């Protein structure tokens, strides 16, 4: 019962759309009608409002980390893993937006940092290095998500790596349109209006 409650609360926390909240608070309009229509920090950046993008990134990563840390404190490591997955599912399929959410990268990285700081740090560094070289947020996310289960094997534990692999698959599924654009060379670069 405790794990079901953790899953439900983590899902609700993950469902909070910080990109939409920041866009409304700062008068940037409906984020779903801007750029890619995504609710994440990369699309907020397309509005040209960098502080809003940073706040969205912090909010989306923070809700994932908070879900994990609270669950770990309340019920232990099994609860932390369940909270990580359900916070991410909340972001991808949010109750408050008719189950049409973001792509989950910031929330994914936030959960990793809370589950195992070395794994999260390695994934964040992978994202940052890939972004520095290629200036493509989606490619950076895919590379970080692809390597995260490997990092988890070395720095966390094998069943944690399975959980991370499941979350990584969700990242790839939500980036299917980006993968197609990467293949045909039409994917917009970081900061570029779509």
Protein backbone atom coordinates (compact mmCIF):
# COMPACT_ATOMS: atom_id res chain seq x y z
CA UNK A 1 0.00 0.00 0.00
CA UNK A 2 2.83 2.41 0.84
CA UNK A 3 4.41 1.81 -2.58
CA UNK A 4 1.09 2.46 -4.34
CA UNK A 5 0.75 5.75 -2.47
CA UNK A 6 4.34 6.66 -3.39
CA UNK A 7 3.62 5.85 -7.06
CA UNK A 8 0.46 8.00 -7.08
CA UNK A 9 2.09 10.97 -5.34
CA UNK A 10 5.19 10.78 -7.55
CA UNK A 11 2.98 10.70 -10.64
CA UNK A 12 1.06 13.77 -9.47
CA UNK A 13 4.28 15.63 -8.69
CA UNK A 14 5.70 14.65 -12.08
CA UNK A 15 2.52 15.94 -13.74
CA UNK A 16 3.21 19.55 -12.69
CA UNK A 17 4.08 21.27 -16.02
CA UNK A 18 6.75 23.78 -15.00
CA UNK A 19 7.22 24.99 -18.59
CA UNK A 20 3.54 25.93 -18.86
CA UNK A 21 3.63 27.53 -15.40
CA UNK A 22 6.75 29.61 -16.20
CA UNK A 23 5.38 30.68 -19.60
CA UNK A 24 2.13 31.87 -18.02
CA UNK A 25 3.79 33.60 -15.07
CA UNK A 26 6.18 35.47 -17.36
CA UNK A 27 3.64 36.30 -20.06
CA UNK A 28 5.21 34.16 -22.78
CA UNK A 29 1.92 32.74 -24.03
CA UNK A 30 0.76 29.16 -24.37
CA UNK A 31 3.91 27.07 -24.68
CA UNK A 32 2.00 24.41 -26.61
CA UNK A 33 1.51 26.96 -29.42
CA UNK A 34 5.19 27.98 -29.55
CA UNK A 35 8.08 26.29 -31.37
CA UNK A 36 7.79 22.52 -31.11
CA UNK A 37 4.76 22.73 -28.81
CA UNK A 38 6.71 20.80 -26.17
CA UNK A 39 6.35 21.81 -22.51
CA UNK A 40 10.05 21.44 -21.61
CA UNK A 41 12.97 23.80 -21.11
CA UNK A 42 14.30 23.48 -24.68
CA UNK A 43 11.04 24.82 -26.10
CA UNK A 44 10.87 27.56 -23.44
CA UNK A 45 14.33 28.60 -24.65
CA UNK A 46 12.86 29.06 -28.14
CA UNK A 47 10.80 31.95 -26.72
CA UNK A 48 14.11 33.76 -26.17
CA UNK A 49 13.53 33.97 -22.42
CA UNK A 50 16.58 32.25 -20.92
CA UNK A 51 15.63 32.74 -17.24
CA UNK A 52 12.27 31.05 -17.92
CA UNK A 53 14.06 28.15 -19.61
CA UNK A 54 16.44 27.80 -16.66
CA UNK A 55 13.57 27.88 -14.15
CA UNK A 56 11.73 25.24 -16.20
CA UNK A 57 14.82 23.05 -16.26
CA UNK A 58 15.26 23.39 -12.49
CA UNK A 59 11.56 22.73 -11.85
CA UNK A 60 11.34 19.67 -14.09
CA UNK A 61 14.58 18.16 -12.77
CA UNK A 62 13.70 19.15 -9.21
CA UNK A 63 10.32 17.42 -9.20
CA UNK A 64 11.97 14.16 -10.27
CA UNK A 65 14.69 14.47 -7.64
CA UNK A 66 12.22 15.48 -4.93
CA UNK A 67 9.98 12.48 -5.65
CA UNK A 68 12.93 10.11 -5.32
CA UNK A 69 14.35 11.68 -2.16
CA UNK A 70 11.00 11.86 -0.38
CA UNK A 71 10.18 8.26 -1.31
CA UNK A 72 13.59 7.05 -0.15
CA UNK A 73 13.12 8.82 3.16
CA UNK A 74 9.59 7.43 3.56
CA UNK A 75 9.94 3.80 2.48
CA UNK A 76 13.50 3.10 1.36
CA UNK A 77 15.26 2.28 -1.89
CA UNK A 78 12.40 0.34 -3.50
CA UNK A 79 10.19 3.39 -3.04
CA UNK A 80 12.87 5.61 -4.56
CA UNK A 81 12.92 3.54 -7.75
CA UNK A 82 9.13 3.51 -8.05
CA UNK A 83 9.00 7.27 -7.44
CA UNK A 84 11.60 7.85 -10.17
CA UNK A 85 9.59 5.92 -12.74
CA UNK A 86 6.23 7.42 -11.81
CA UNK A 87 7.51 11.00 -11.61
CA UNK A 88 8.80 10.54 -15.13
CA UNK A 89 5.51 9.01 -16.28
CA UNK A 90 3.76 12.01 -14.75
CA UNK A 91 5.85 14.37 -16.84
CA UNK A 92 5.41 12.34 -20.03
CA UNK A 93 1.66 11.79 -19.54
CA UNK A 94 0.48 14.52 -17.14
CA UNK A 95 -2.97 14.35 -15.62
CA UNK A 96 -3.24 18.15 -15.76
CA UNK A 97 -2.66 18.38 -19.55
CA UNK A 98 -4.83 15.56 -20.83
CA UNK A 99 -1.89 13.11 -20.69
CA UNK A 100 0.03 15.08 -23.36
CA UNK A 101 3.33 15.97 -21.74
CA UNK A 102 6.97 16.64 -22.43
CA UNK A 103 9.83 14.42 -23.45
CA UNK A 104 11.10 13.86 -19.93
CA UNK A 105 14.80 14.67 -20.24
CA UNK A 106 15.14 17.09 -17.32
CA UNK A 107 12.94 14.93 -15.10
CA UNK A 108 14.97 11.87 -16.11
CA UNK A 109 18.23 13.59 -15.20
CA UNK A 110 16.77 14.84 -11.92
CA UNK A 111 15.68 11.35 -10.92
CA UNK A 112 19.12 9.97 -11.82
CA UNK A 113 20.90 12.56 -9.68
CA UNK A 114 18.72 11.58 -6.72
CA UNK A 115 18.86 7.81 -7.30
CA UNK A 116 22.65 7.76 -7.67
CA UNK A 117 24.53 11.03 -7.86
CA UNK A 118 27.46 9.54 -9.86
CA UNK A 119 25.06 8.13 -12.46
CA UNK A 120 23.19 11.42 -12.70
CA UNK A 121 26.41 13.40 -12.93
CA UNK A 122 27.75 11.14 -15.69
CA UNK A 123 24.48 11.45 -17.64
CA UNK A 124 24.42 15.25 -17.23
CA UNK A 125 28.05 15.49 -18.35
CA UNK A 126 27.24 13.32 -21.38
CA UNK A 127 24.34 15.60 -22.28
CA UNK A 128 26.47 18.73 -21.85
CA UNK A 129 29.42 17.43 -23.88
CA UNK A 130 27.21 16.22 -26.71
CA UNK A 131 25.35 19.55 -26.73
CA UNK A 132 28.63 21.49 -26.78
CA UNK A 133 29.82 19.59 -29.85
CA UNK A 134 26.61 19.24 -31.85
CA UNK A 135 24.23 21.94 -30.49
CA UNK A 136 21.35 19.47 -30.71
CA UNK A 137 19.30 19.01 -27.55
CA UNK A 138 17.54 15.86 -28.78
CA UNK A 139 20.78 14.16 -29.79
CA UNK A 140 22.30 15.06 -26.42
CA UNK A 141 19.28 13.58 -24.64
CA UNK A 142 19.42 10.37 -26.67
CA UNK A 143 23.14 9.87 -26.08
CA UNK A 144 22.76 10.54 -22.34
CA UNK A 145 19.75 8.22 -22.09
CA UNK A 146 21.51 5.51 -24.08
CA UNK A 147 24.56 5.56 -21.81
CA UNK A 148 22.71 6.02 -18.51
CA UNK A 149 21.98 2.29 -17.99
CA UNK A 150 25.68 1.56 -18.55
CA UNK A 151 26.60 4.19 -15.96
CA UNK A 152 24.06 2.61 -13.59
CA UNK A 153 25.68 -0.81 -13.91
CA UNK A 154 29.03 0.64 -12.84
CA UNK A 155 27.93 3.25 -10.29
CA UNK A 156 24.59 2.01 -8.93
CA UNK A 157 23.46 -1.65 -9.12
CA UNK A 158 22.05 -4.06 -11.69
CA UNK A 159 18.36 -3.75 -10.77
CA UNK A 160 18.81 0.02 -10.68
CA UNK A 161 20.28 -0.29 -14.18
CA UNK A 162 17.11 -2.12 -15.30
CA UNK A 163 14.98 0.74 -13.96
CA UNK A 164 17.20 3.30 -15.69
CA UNK A 165 16.98 1.29 -18.92
CA UNK A 166 13.16 1.39 -18.77
CA UNK A 167 13.25 5.17 -18.33
CA UNK A 168 15.78 5.44 -21.17
CA UNK A 169 13.44 3.54 -23.49
CA UNK A 170 10.71 6.05 -22.64
CA UNK A 171 13.08 8.88 -23.63
CA UNK A 172 13.70 7.20 -27.00
CA UNK A 173 9.99 6.60 -27.59
CA UNK A 174 9.12 10.24 -26.84
CA UNK A 175 11.91 11.37 -29.19
CA UNK A 176 10.77 9.31 -32.19
CA UNK A 177 9.94 12.43 -34.25
CA UNK A 178 13.28 13.98 -33.26
CA UNK A 179 15.11 10.84 -34.36
CA UNK A 180 13.48 11.14 -37.78
CA UNK A 181 14.48 14.82 -38.03
CA UNK A 182 18.02 13.98 -36.95
CA UNK A 183 18.18 11.44 -39.76
CA UNK A 184 16.99 13.89 -42.41
CA UNK A 185 19.00 16.84 -41.04
CA UNK A 186 16.02 19.06 -40.17
CA UNK A 187 16.32 19.00 -36.38
CA UNK A 188 16.62 22.57 -35.01
CA UNK A 189 19.70 23.42 -32.96
CA UNK A 190 19.65 24.63 -29.36
CA UNK A 191 18.18 28.13 -29.16
CA UNK A 192 17.05 28.06 -32.79
CA UNK A 193 13.39 28.80 -33.44
CA UNK A 194 11.69 25.81 -34.98
